[in-house]
Amino acid sequence: MRPFEALRSAIFLRVPAVMLLVFSAWAALGPSPASAEPRITRVDVYSESMGRWVANDVISPASGGPAPTFYLLTGIGGGSDGISWFNNTGVRDFFADKHVNVVMPIGGQYSMYTDWDSDDPVLGRNKWQTYLTSELPAAIDGRFATTGANAIGGVSMAGGAVLDLAIQAPGFYRAVGSYSGCAATSGLLGQAMVRSMVELRGGGNATNMWGPAVDPQWQVHDPMVNTERLRGTELFVSSGNGLPGGIDNHDPVLVVPQTIGGSVVEMVTNVCAAAFQSRLHSLGIPATFAYLSQGTHSWGLFETELRESWPIIGSAIGA
């Protein structure tokens, strides 16, 4: 059975209700740091490919000296909506004693963090693959003490995108953390999930991203199809199961809508993770999978996944 067909069958059985430059960048410190903490810096990087400045929050190690770099991507809103790792989790405390540069870009909402074929009337120009794999690293390496060892992690929309970025930039990332995301982008189900984010939520046109439905680019950017190209990369993939629990740490005022919507989404990511695990296993590619016993696509869940992944990711990059 083809990879996306297996995924489609699994989801339809378990969740039938769901479907609807070298240096090409210039870096400059912003007018003020992102917070009063001395190890946290707001760095604005000019993207030549997109013709605009992109803000990035960077946590650098208090210990000083060259350190590896962990690029950490947020979900569907790209952090531009104020919802992000930086604002909604304890990443600053978690990484306070760790020897690593943590780079959290702000932007890329509804973009799949990929290079779009054409500018979109609603979402504008998106060349996030170029930015994340070339422009941003050049700026970070030029501004901070780095070792050249890189890893990347992403949640929700970025959970699948980080796998694709590792495929498109072979060898650049030693490790990838995919948290509550979905690897599939092609086939009926994969395209439907992508379009639900880009078009239904973002108001963009996915044809401007990877072309019409029959365009081969949809498969070129599908980690379920190009899984072999992840061999040799340390992989951590995780998901909750959609059941609410203390791990979610929801806002008491919004607990009902957050739980209902988050439960459905997390059930889908759980099935996606299982399908991707099966695909990796069929190819003999090692990976670490974590299926949490609760969690409804919440920042409490995402932070738990990040913390569980760190021994693997940190070890891979020497952090």
C-alpha atoms as a PDB file:
ATOM      1  CA  MET A   1       0.000   0.000   0.000  1.00  0.00           C
ATOM      2  CA  ARG A   2       1.367   3.454  -0.889  1.00  0.00           C
ATOM      3  CA  PRO A   3       2.371   5.638   2.107  1.00  0.00           C
ATOM      4  CA  PHE A   4      -0.371   8.253   1.760  1.00  0.00           C
ATOM      5  CA  GLU A   5      -2.996   5.554   1.147  1.00  0.00           C
ATOM      6  CA  ALA A   6      -2.037   3.858   4.403  1.00  0.00           C
ATOM      7  CA  LEU A   7      -2.304   7.167   6.216  1.00  0.00           C
ATOM      8  CA  ARG A   8      -5.667   7.931   4.634  1.00  0.00           C
ATOM      9  CA  SER A   9      -7.044   4.547   5.617  1.00  0.00           C
ATOM     10  CA  ALA A  10      -5.828   4.909   9.195  1.00  0.00           C
ATOM     11  CA  ILE A  11      -7.388   8.323   9.681  1.00  0.00           C
ATOM     12  CA  PHE A  12     -10.671   7.466   7.985  1.00  0.00           C
ATOM     13  CA  LEU A  13     -10.980   4.458  10.293  1.00  0.00           C
ATOM     14  CA  ARG A  14     -10.117   6.252  13.508  1.00  0.00           C
ATOM     15  CA  VAL A  15     -11.177   9.835  12.962  1.00  0.00           C
ATOM     16  CA  PRO A  16     -13.982   9.892  10.338  1.00  0.00           C
ATOM     17  CA  ALA A  17     -15.170  13.356  11.394  1.00  0.00           C
ATOM     18  CA  VAL A  18     -11.888  15.114  10.535  1.00  0.00           C
ATOM     19  CA  MET A  19     -11.189  16.549   7.071  1.00  0.00           C
ATOM     20  CA  LEU A  20     -12.820  19.365   6.253  1.00  0.00           C
ATOM     21  CA  LEU A  21      25.278  33.574   0.883  1.00  0.00           C
ATOM     22  CA  VAL A  22      27.205  32.442   1.009  1.00  0.00           C
ATOM     23  CA  PHE A  23      25.700  35.426   3.011  1.00  0.00           C
ATOM     24  CA  SER A  24      22.421  36.422   1.449  1.00  0.00           C
ATOM     25  CA  ALA A  25      21.161  37.890   4.690  1.00  0.00           C
ATOM     26  CA  TRP A  26      22.057  40.895   6.758  1.00  0.00           C
ATOM     27  CA  ALA A  27      21.647  40.746  10.511  1.00  0.00           C
ATOM     28  CA  ALA A  28      21.199  43.621  12.872  1.00  0.00           C
ATOM     29  CA  LEU A  29      20.294  43.879  16.504  1.00  0.00           C
ATOM     30  CA  GLY A  30      16.856  45.374  17.014  1.00  0.00           C
ATOM     31  CA  PRO A  31      16.483  48.625  18.914  1.00  0.00           C
ATOM     32  CA  SER A  32      15.954  46.720  22.163  1.00  0.00           C
ATOM     33  CA  PRO A  33      16.302  43.135  23.407  1.00  0.00           C
ATOM     34  CA  ALA A  34      13.245  40.879  23.465  1.00  0.00           C
ATOM     35  CA  SER A  35      13.324  40.963  27.248  1.00  0.00           C
ATOM     36  CA  ALA A  36      15.447  42.258  30.099  1.00  0.00           C
ATOM     37  CA  GLU A  37      17.235  38.934  30.379  1.00  0.00           C
ATOM     38  CA  PRO A  38      20.806  39.325  29.104  1.00  0.00           C
ATOM     39  CA  ARG A  39      20.874  35.991  27.273  1.00  0.00           C
ATOM     40  CA  ILE A  40      17.835  36.749  25.132  1.00  0.00           C
ATOM     41  CA  THR A  41      18.255  38.867  22.020  1.00  0.00           C
ATOM     42  CA  ARG A  42      15.911  40.068  19.307  1.00  0.00           C
ATOM     43  CA  VAL A  43      17.752  39.804  16.004  1.00  0.00           C
ATOM     44  CA  ASP A  44      16.299  41.217  12.810  1.00  0.00           C
ATOM     45  CA  VAL A  45      17.514  39.476   9.658  1.00  0.00           C
ATOM     46  CA  TYR A  46      16.949  40.822   6.169  1.00  0.00           C
ATOM     47  CA  SER A  47      15.707  38.191   3.744  1.00  0.00           C
ATOM     48  CA  GLU A  48      16.741  39.010   0.206  1.00  0.00           C
ATOM     49  CA  SER A  49      14.547  36.216  -1.128  1.00  0.00           C
ATOM     50  CA  MET A  50      11.429  37.714   0.480  1.00  0.00           C
ATOM     51  CA  GLY A  51      12.465  41.355   0.401  1.00  0.00           C
ATOM     52  CA  ARG A  52      11.735  42.029   4.055  1.00  0.00           C
ATOM     53  CA  TRP A  53      13.114  41.931   7.560  1.00  0.00           C
ATOM     54  CA  VAL A  54      12.292  38.947   9.771  1.00  0.00           C
ATOM     55  CA  ALA A  55      12.460  39.128  13.557  1.00  0.00           C
ATOM     56  CA  ASN A  56      14.005  36.261  15.505  1.00  0.00           C
ATOM     57  CA  ASP A  57      14.226  35.682  19.243  1.00  0.00           C
ATOM     58  CA  VAL A  58      17.522  34.064  20.205  1.00  0.00           C
ATOM     59  CA  ILE A  59      18.464  32.424  23.487  1.00  0.00           C
ATOM     60  CA  SER A  60      22.244  32.137  23.745  1.00  0.00           C
ATOM     61  CA  PRO A  61      24.080  30.135  26.413  1.00  0.00           C
ATOM     62  CA  ALA A  62      25.123  31.945  29.559  1.00  0.00           C
ATOM     63  CA  SER A  63      28.293  29.877  29.617  1.00  0.00           C
ATOM     64  CA  GLY A  64      29.600  31.575  26.501  1.00  0.00           C
ATOM     65  CA  GLY A  65      31.832  30.009  23.872  1.00  0.00           C
ATOM     66  CA  PRO A  66      30.839  28.329  20.607  1.00  0.00           C
ATOM     67  CA  ALA A  67      27.585  26.377  20.815  1.00  0.00           C
ATOM     68  CA  PRO A  68      25.374  24.372  18.456  1.00  0.00           C
ATOM     69  CA  THR A  69      22.163  25.905  17.127  1.00  0.00           C
ATOM     70  CA  PHE A  70      18.590  24.701  17.523  1.00  0.00           C
ATOM     71  CA  TYR A  71      16.050  26.354  15.215  1.00  0.00           C
ATOM     72  CA  LEU A  72      12.579  26.172  16.765  1.00  0.00           C
ATOM     73  CA  LEU A  73       9.519  26.886  14.612  1.00  0.00           C
ATOM     74  CA  THR A  74       6.048  27.653  15.877  1.00  0.00           C
ATOM     75  CA  GLY A  75       2.702  26.619  14.395  1.00  0.00           C
ATOM     76  CA  ILE A  76       0.173  27.926  11.945  1.00  0.00           C
ATOM     77  CA  GLY A  77       0.310  31.572  13.067  1.00  0.00           C
ATOM     78  CA  GLY A  78       4.089  31.752  12.760  1.00  0.00           C
ATOM     79  CA  GLY A  79       4.321  33.645  16.050  1.00  0.00           C
ATOM     80  CA  SER A  80       3.087  36.795  14.310  1.00  0.00           C
ATOM     81  CA  ASP A  81      -0.137  36.430  16.273  1.00  0.00           C
ATOM     82  CA  GLY A  82       1.750  36.507  19.576  1.00  0.00           C
ATOM     83  CA  ILE A  83       1.284  32.761  20.076  1.00  0.00           C
ATOM     84  CA  SER A  84       4.668  31.062  20.104  1.00  0.00           C
ATOM     85  CA  TRP A  85       7.246  29.009  21.940  1.00  0.00           C
ATOM     86  CA  PHE A  86       8.679  32.237  23.313  1.00  0.00           C
ATOM     87  CA  ASN A  87       5.379  33.578  24.628  1.00  0.00           C
ATOM     88  CA  ASN A  88       3.463  30.431  25.599  1.00  0.00           C
ATOM     89  CA  THR A  89       6.027  28.059  27.069  1.00  0.00           C
ATOM     90  CA  GLY A  90       8.904  28.013  29.517  1.00  0.00           C
ATOM     91  CA  VAL A  91      11.633  27.706  26.865  1.00  0.00           C
ATOM     92  CA  ARG A  92      13.664  30.487  28.434  1.00  0.00           C
ATOM     93  CA  ASP A  93      13.882  28.631  31.733  1.00  0.00           C
ATOM     94  CA  PHE A  94      14.334  25.251  30.090  1.00  0.00           C
ATOM     95  CA  PHE A  95      17.315  26.317  28.001  1.00  0.00           C
ATOM     96  CA  ALA A  96      18.837  28.554  30.705  1.00  0.00           C
ATOM     97  CA  ASP A  97      21.395  25.924  31.697  1.00  0.00           C
ATOM     98  CA  LYS A  98      21.947  24.381  28.276  1.00  0.00           C
ATOM     99  CA  HIS A  99      24.868  25.080  25.972  1.00  0.00           C
ATOM    100  CA  VAL A 100      22.935  25.838  22.787  1.00  0.00           C
ATOM    101  CA  ASN A 101      21.758  28.776  20.722  1.00  0.00           C
ATOM    102  CA  VAL A 102      17.979  28.557  20.337  1.00  0.00           C
ATOM    103  CA  VAL A 103      16.632  30.562  17.389  1.00  0.00           C
ATOM    104  CA  MET A 104      12.888  31.219  17.147  1.00  0.00           C
ATOM    105  CA  PRO A 105      11.854  33.018  13.943  1.00  0.00           C
ATOM    106  CA  ILE A 106       8.706  35.152  13.923  1.00  0.00           C
ATOM    107  CA  GLY A 107       6.710  34.845  10.699  1.00  0.00           C
ATOM    108  CA  GLY A 108       5.758  32.245   8.120  1.00  0.00           C
ATOM    109  CA  GLN A 109       2.093  32.035   9.069  1.00  0.00           C
ATOM    110  CA  TYR A 110       0.102  29.602   6.887  1.00  0.00           C
ATOM    111  CA  SER A 111       3.161  29.121   4.644  1.00  0.00           C
ATOM    112  CA  MET A 112       4.211  25.525   5.419  1.00  0.00           C
ATOM    113  CA  TYR A 113       7.671  27.117   5.823  1.00  0.00           C
ATOM    114  CA  THR A 114       8.441  26.361   2.197  1.00  0.00           C
ATOM    115  CA  ASP A 115       9.433  28.292  -0.925  1.00  0.00           C
ATOM    116  CA  TRP A 116       6.306  29.267  -2.835  1.00  0.00           C
ATOM    117  CA  ASP A 117       6.266  29.282  -6.624  1.00  0.00           C
ATOM    118  CA  SER A 118       4.398  32.589  -6.827  1.00  0.00           C
ATOM    119  CA  ASP A 119       3.493  35.533  -4.653  1.00  0.00           C
ATOM    120  CA  ASP A 120       0.074  35.116  -3.080  1.00  0.00           C
ATOM    121  CA  PRO A 121      -2.472  37.967  -3.046  1.00  0.00           C
ATOM    122  CA  VAL A 122      -3.241  37.265   0.625  1.00  0.00           C
ATOM    123  CA  LEU A 123      -0.080  35.704   2.082  1.00  0.00           C
ATOM    124  CA  GLY A 124       2.448  37.614   0.009  1.00  0.00           C
ATOM    125  CA  ARG A 125       5.907  36.350  -0.871  1.00  0.00           C
ATOM    126  CA  ASN A 126       7.030  33.242   0.986  1.00  0.00           C
ATOM    127  CA  LYS A 127      10.526  31.821   0.597  1.00  0.00           C
ATOM    128  CA  TRP A 128      10.884  30.257   4.007  1.00  0.00           C
ATOM    129  CA  GLN A 129      12.967  27.289   2.922  1.00  0.00           C
ATOM    130  CA  THR A 130      15.581  29.684   1.560  1.00  0.00           C
ATOM    131  CA  TYR A 131      15.379  31.840   4.655  1.00  0.00           C
ATOM    132  CA  LEU A 132      15.600  29.002   7.178  1.00  0.00           C
ATOM    133  CA  THR A 133      18.300  26.945   5.464  1.00  0.00           C
ATOM    134  CA  SER A 134      20.482  29.729   4.070  1.00  0.00           C
ATOM    135  CA  GLU A 135      19.781  33.335   4.984  1.00  0.00           C
ATOM    136  CA  LEU A 136      19.038  32.925   8.683  1.00  0.00           C
ATOM    137  CA  PRO A 137      21.886  30.472   9.452  1.00  0.00           C
ATOM    138  CA  ALA A 138      24.387  32.783   7.741  1.00  0.00           C
ATOM    139  CA  ALA A 139      23.204  35.659   9.906  1.00  0.00           C
ATOM    140  CA  ILE A 140      23.200  33.618  13.131  1.00  0.00           C
ATOM    141  CA  ASP A 141      26.643  32.162  12.462  1.00  0.00           C
ATOM    142  CA  GLY A 142      27.926  35.675  11.766  1.00  0.00           C
ATOM    143  CA  ARG A 143      26.440  37.160  14.937  1.00  0.00           C
ATOM    144  CA  PHE A 144      26.809  34.389  17.527  1.00  0.00           C
ATOM    145  CA  ALA A 145      29.482  31.882  18.499  1.00  0.00           C
ATOM    146  CA  THR A 146      28.339  28.677  16.786  1.00  0.00           C
ATOM    147  CA  THR A 147      29.857  25.273  16.121  1.00  0.00           C
ATOM    148  CA  GLY A 148      28.199  24.519  12.786  1.00  0.00           C
ATOM    149  CA  ALA A 149      26.071  21.754  14.318  1.00  0.00           C
ATOM    150  CA  ASN A 150      22.380  22.426  13.700  1.00  0.00           C
ATOM    151  CA  ALA A 151      19.030  20.891  14.612  1.00  0.00           C
ATOM    152  CA  ILE A 152      15.459  21.979  13.980  1.00  0.00           C
ATOM    153  CA  GLY A 153      12.138  21.451  15.720  1.00  0.00           C
ATOM    154  CA  GLY A 154       8.611  22.463  14.886  1.00  0.00           C
ATOM    155  CA  VAL A 155       5.084  22.082  16.170  1.00  0.00           C
ATOM    156  CA  SER A 156       1.718  21.580  14.472  1.00  0.00           C
ATOM    157  CA  MET A 157       2.001  23.007  10.929  1.00  0.00           C
ATOM    158  CA  ALA A 158       5.763  23.128  11.388  1.00  0.00           C
ATOM    159  CA  GLY A 159       5.833  19.531  12.644  1.00  0.00           C
ATOM    160  CA  GLY A 160       5.699  18.251   9.087  1.00  0.00           C
ATOM    161  CA  ALA A 161       7.553  21.220   7.618  1.00  0.00           C
ATOM    162  CA  VAL A 162      10.717  20.576   9.635  1.00  0.00           C
ATOM    163  CA  LEU A 163      10.930  17.076   8.182  1.00  0.00           C
ATOM    164  CA  ASP A 164      10.620  18.539   4.689  1.00  0.00           C
ATOM    165  CA  LEU A 165      13.282  21.164   5.415  1.00  0.00           C
ATOM    166  CA  ALA A 166      15.681  18.409   6.481  1.00  0.00           C
ATOM    167  CA  ILE A 167      14.942  16.574   3.230  1.00  0.00           C
ATOM    168  CA  GLN A 168      15.429  19.668   1.075  1.00  0.00           C
ATOM    169  CA  ALA A 169      18.693  20.617   2.824  1.00  0.00           C
ATOM    170  CA  PRO A 170      20.389  17.225   3.257  1.00  0.00           C
ATOM    171  CA  GLY A 171      23.003  17.102   5.987  1.00  0.00           C
ATOM    172  CA  PHE A 172      22.298  20.585   7.294  1.00  0.00           C
ATOM    173  CA  TYR A 173      20.345  19.412  10.344  1.00  0.00           C
ATOM    174  CA  ARG A 174      21.762  16.639  12.474  1.00  0.00           C
ATOM    175  CA  ALA A 175      18.455  16.178  14.291  1.00  0.00           C
ATOM    176  CA  VAL A 176      14.776  16.976  13.778  1.00  0.00           C
ATOM    177  CA  GLY A 177      12.000  17.237  16.353  1.00  0.00           C
ATOM    178  CA  SER A 178       8.471  16.928  14.958  1.00  0.00           C
ATOM    179  CA  TYR A 179       5.866  17.743  17.604  1.00  0.00           C
ATOM    180  CA  SER A 180       2.146  17.109  17.036  1.00  0.00           C
ATOM    181  CA  GLY A 181       2.407  17.521  13.280  1.00  0.00           C
ATOM    182  CA  CYS A 182       1.729  15.480  10.175  1.00  0.00           C
ATOM    183  CA  ALA A 183       4.298  14.394   7.623  1.00  0.00           C
ATOM    184  CA  ALA A 184       1.965  13.794   4.667  1.00  0.00           C
ATOM    185  CA  THR A 185       1.428  16.542   2.081  1.00  0.00           C
ATOM    186  CA  SER A 186       0.454  14.662  -1.086  1.00  0.00           C
ATOM    187  CA  GLY A 187      -2.439  12.414  -2.066  1.00  0.00           C
ATOM    188  CA  LEU A 188      -6.037  13.296  -1.292  1.00  0.00           C
ATOM    189  CA  LEU A 189      -5.612  13.324   2.471  1.00  0.00           C
ATOM    190  CA  GLY A 190      -2.223  15.036   2.584  1.00  0.00           C
ATOM    191  CA  GLN A 191      -3.346  17.796   0.244  1.00  0.00           C
ATOM    192  CA  ALA A 192      -6.586  18.246   2.165  1.00  0.00           C
ATOM    193  CA  MET A 193      -4.693  18.781   5.411  1.00  0.00           C
ATOM    194  CA  VAL A 194      -2.302  21.252   3.803  1.00  0.00           C
ATOM    195  CA  ARG A 195      -5.140  23.174   2.155  1.00  0.00           C
ATOM    196  CA  SER A 196      -7.033  23.314   5.438  1.00  0.00           C
ATOM    197  CA  MET A 197      -4.129  25.307   6.871  1.00  0.00           C
ATOM    198  CA  VAL A 198      -3.083  27.388   3.887  1.00  0.00           C
ATOM    199  CA  GLU A 199      -6.504  28.087   2.412  1.00  0.00           C
ATOM    200  CA  LEU A 200      -9.222  27.564   5.023  1.00  0.00           C
ATOM    201  CA  ARG A 201      -7.266  29.109   7.886  1.00  0.00           C
ATOM    202  CA  GLY A 202      -4.898  31.402   6.026  1.00  0.00           C
ATOM    203  CA  GLY A 203      -7.014  32.514   3.099  1.00  0.00           C
ATOM    204  CA  GLY A 204      -4.177  31.828   0.663  1.00  0.00           C
ATOM    205  CA  ASN A 205      -4.100  29.729  -2.489  1.00  0.00           C
ATOM    206  CA  ALA A 206      -1.992  26.582  -2.235  1.00  0.00           C
ATOM    207  CA  THR A 207      -1.654  26.534  -6.019  1.00  0.00           C
ATOM    208  CA  ASN A 208       0.706  29.478  -5.586  1.00  0.00           C
ATOM    209  CA  MET A 209       2.761  27.304  -3.263  1.00  0.00           C
ATOM    210  CA  TRP A 210       3.330  23.961  -5.010  1.00  0.00           C
ATOM    211  CA  GLY A 211       1.170  24.280  -8.100  1.00  0.00           C
ATOM    212  CA  PRO A 212      -2.082  22.492  -8.956  1.00  0.00           C
ATOM    213  CA  ALA A 213      -3.018  19.206  -7.314  1.00  0.00           C
ATOM    214  CA  VAL A 214      -1.266  17.145  -9.993  1.00  0.00           C
ATOM    215  CA  ASP A 215       2.011  19.065  -9.770  1.00  0.00           C
ATOM    216  CA  PRO A 216       4.878  16.752  -8.686  1.00  0.00           C
ATOM    217  CA  GLN A 217       6.033  19.331  -6.137  1.00  0.00           C
ATOM    218  CA  TRP A 218       3.374  18.088  -3.731  1.00  0.00           C
ATOM    219  CA  GLN A 219       5.226  14.767  -3.596  1.00  0.00           C
ATOM    220  CA  VAL A 220       8.663  16.408  -3.671  1.00  0.00           C
ATOM    221  CA  HIS A 221       7.775  18.044  -0.356  1.00  0.00           C
ATOM    222  CA  ASP A 222       6.140  14.985   1.204  1.00  0.00           C
ATOM    223  CA  PRO A 223       8.238  13.304   3.933  1.00  0.00           C
ATOM    224  CA  MET A 224       6.018  10.213   3.641  1.00  0.00           C
ATOM    225  CA  VAL A 225       7.223   9.826   0.056  1.00  0.00           C
ATOM    226  CA  ASN A 226      10.835  10.984   0.534  1.00  0.00           C
ATOM    227  CA  THR A 227      11.432   9.214   3.822  1.00  0.00           C
ATOM    228  CA  GLU A 228      14.639   7.565   2.632  1.00  0.00           C
ATOM    229  CA  ARG A 229      16.289  10.979   2.456  1.00  0.00           C
ATOM    230  CA  LEU A 230      15.973  11.286   6.234  1.00  0.00           C
ATOM    231  CA  ARG A 231      18.272   8.326   6.821  1.00  0.00           C
ATOM    232  CA  GLY A 232      21.192   9.393   8.983  1.00  0.00           C
ATOM    233  CA  THR A 233      19.259  12.218  10.644  1.00  0.00           C
ATOM    234  CA  GLU A 234      18.314  11.810  14.308  1.00  0.00           C
ATOM    235  CA  LEU A 235      14.516  11.889  14.385  1.00  0.00           C
ATOM    236  CA  PHE A 236      12.123  12.506  17.266  1.00  0.00           C
ATOM    237  CA  VAL A 237       8.392  12.406  16.491  1.00  0.00           C
ATOM    238  CA  SER A 238       5.679  12.824  19.101  1.00  0.00           C
ATOM    239  CA  SER A 239       1.979  13.313  19.645  1.00  0.00           C
ATOM    240  CA  GLY A 240      -0.675  13.389  22.327  1.00  0.00           C
ATOM    241  CA  ASN A 241      -3.781  11.229  21.974  1.00  0.00           C
ATOM    242  CA  GLY A 242      -6.493  13.874  22.040  1.00  0.00           C
ATOM    243  CA  LEU A 243      -7.626  13.174  25.594  1.00  0.00           C
ATOM    244  CA  PRO A 244      -7.662  16.280  27.810  1.00  0.00           C
ATOM    245  CA  GLY A 245      -5.574  16.271  30.945  1.00  0.00           C
ATOM    246  CA  GLY A 246      -3.390  18.281  33.242  1.00  0.00           C
ATOM    247  CA  ILE A 247      -0.669  18.370  30.616  1.00  0.00           C
ATOM    248  CA  ASP A 248      -2.711  20.836  28.528  1.00  0.00           C
ATOM    249  CA  ASN A 249      -2.706  23.685  31.040  1.00  0.00           C
ATOM    250  CA  HIS A 250      -5.547  25.394  29.178  1.00  0.00           C
ATOM    251  CA  ASP A 251      -6.778  28.877  29.937  1.00  0.00           C
ATOM    252  CA  PRO A 252      -9.739  28.271  32.307  1.00  0.00           C
ATOM    253  CA  VAL A 253     -11.853  30.763  30.351  1.00  0.00           C
ATOM    254  CA  LEU A 254     -11.225  28.963  27.046  1.00  0.00           C
ATOM    255  CA  VAL A 255     -10.917  25.396  28.264  1.00  0.00           C
ATOM    256  CA  VAL A 256     -14.045  24.108  26.464  1.00  0.00           C
ATOM    257  CA  PRO A 257     -13.329  25.379  22.923  1.00  0.00           C
ATOM    258  CA  GLN A 258      -9.621  24.676  23.277  1.00  0.00           C
ATOM    259  CA  THR A 259     -10.302  21.129  24.416  1.00  0.00           C
ATOM    260  CA  ILE A 260     -12.864  20.313  21.713  1.00  0.00           C
ATOM    261  CA  GLY A 261     -10.858  21.678  18.797  1.00  0.00           C
ATOM    262  CA  GLY A 262      -7.546  20.492  20.171  1.00  0.00           C
ATOM    263  CA  SER A 263      -8.816  16.958  20.766  1.00  0.00           C
ATOM    264  CA  VAL A 264      -9.775  16.473  17.128  1.00  0.00           C
ATOM    265  CA  VAL A 265      -6.525  17.916  15.779  1.00  0.00           C
ATOM    266  CA  GLU A 266      -4.373  15.882  18.149  1.00  0.00           C
ATOM    267  CA  MET A 267      -6.167  12.649  17.267  1.00  0.00           C
ATOM    268  CA  VAL A 268      -5.227  13.308  13.648  1.00  0.00           C
ATOM    269  CA  THR A 269      -1.586  14.012  14.501  1.00  0.00           C
ATOM    270  CA  ASN A 270      -1.515  10.817  16.560  1.00  0.00           C
ATOM    271  CA  VAL A 271      -2.569   8.785  13.533  1.00  0.00           C
ATOM    272  CA  CYS A 272      -0.116  10.706  11.358  1.00  0.00           C
ATOM    273  CA  ALA A 273       2.708   9.846  13.734  1.00  0.00           C
ATOM    274  CA  ALA A 274       1.785   6.157  13.698  1.00  0.00           C
ATOM    275  CA  ALA A 275       1.686   6.104   9.901  1.00  0.00           C
ATOM    276  CA  PHE A 276       5.078   7.823   9.690  1.00  0.00           C
ATOM    277  CA  GLN A 277       6.519   5.385  12.217  1.00  0.00           C
ATOM    278  CA  SER A 278       5.299   2.500  10.086  1.00  0.00           C
ATOM    279  CA  ARG A 279       6.864   4.075   7.009  1.00  0.00           C
ATOM    280  CA  LEU A 280      10.223   4.552   8.730  1.00  0.00           C
ATOM    281  CA  HIS A 281      10.113   1.010  10.104  1.00  0.00           C
ATOM    282  CA  SER A 282       9.460  -0.430   6.637  1.00  0.00           C
ATOM    283  CA  LEU A 283      12.660   1.243   5.420  1.00  0.00           C
ATOM    284  CA  GLY A 284      14.733   0.336   8.458  1.00  0.00           C
ATOM    285  CA  ILE A 285      15.299   3.974   9.400  1.00  0.00           C
ATOM    286  CA  PRO A 286      15.719   4.436  13.170  1.00  0.00           C
ATOM    287  CA  ALA A 287      13.709   7.099  14.968  1.00  0.00           C
ATOM    288  CA  THR A 288      12.333   7.845  18.409  1.00  0.00           C
ATOM    289  CA  PHE A 289       8.559   8.125  18.796  1.00  0.00           C
ATOM    290  CA  ALA A 290       6.725   9.346  21.876  1.00  0.00           C
ATOM    291  CA  TYR A 291       2.968   8.873  22.240  1.00  0.00           C
ATOM    292  CA  LEU A 292       1.773  10.747  25.279  1.00  0.00           C
ATOM    293  CA  SER A 293      -1.166   9.378  27.250  1.00  0.00           C
ATOM    294  CA  GLN A 294      -3.010  12.703  27.133  1.00  0.00           C
ATOM    295  CA  GLY A 295      -2.891  16.034  25.343  1.00  0.00           C
ATOM    296  CA  THR A 296      -5.173  18.117  23.103  1.00  0.00           C
ATOM    297  CA  HIS A 297      -2.934  20.137  20.772  1.00  0.00           C
ATOM    298  CA  SER A 298      -2.034  22.588  23.486  1.00  0.00           C
ATOM    299  CA  TRP A 299       1.098  24.482  24.442  1.00  0.00           C
ATOM    300  CA  GLY A 300       1.318  22.459  27.628  1.00  0.00           C
ATOM    301  CA  LEU A 301       1.528  19.343  25.487  1.00  0.00           C
ATOM    302  CA  PHE A 302       3.992  20.915  23.035  1.00  0.00           C
ATOM    303  CA  GLU A 303       6.360  21.948  25.799  1.00  0.00           C
ATOM    304  CA  THR A 304       6.280  18.431  27.237  1.00  0.00           C
ATOM    305  CA  GLU A 305       7.143  17.022  23.818  1.00  0.00           C
ATOM    306  CA  LEU A 306      10.033  19.456  23.440  1.00  0.00           C
ATOM    307  CA  ARG A 307      11.433  18.545  26.843  1.00  0.00           C
ATOM    308  CA  GLU A 308      11.191  14.822  26.094  1.00  0.00           C
ATOM    309  CA  SER A 309      12.962  15.296  22.783  1.00  0.00           C
ATOM    310  CA  TRP A 310      15.889  17.276  24.114  1.00  0.00           C
ATOM    311  CA  PRO A 311      18.120  14.403  25.319  1.00  0.00           C
ATOM    312  CA  ILE A 312      18.057  13.048  21.755  1.00  0.00           C
ATOM    313  CA  ILE A 313      18.363  16.354  19.922  1.00  0.00           C
ATOM    314  CA  GLY A 314      20.891  17.832  22.314  1.00  0.00           C
ATOM    315  CA  SER A 315      23.087  14.753  22.134  1.00  0.00           C
ATOM    316  CA  ALA A 316      23.003  14.781  18.322  1.00  0.00           C
ATOM    317  CA  ILE A 317      24.383  18.321  18.129  1.00  0.00           C
ATOM    318  CA  GLY A 318      26.696  18.208  21.143  1.00  0.00           C
ATOM    319  CA  ALA A 319      24.665  20.536  23.335  1.00  0.00           C
END
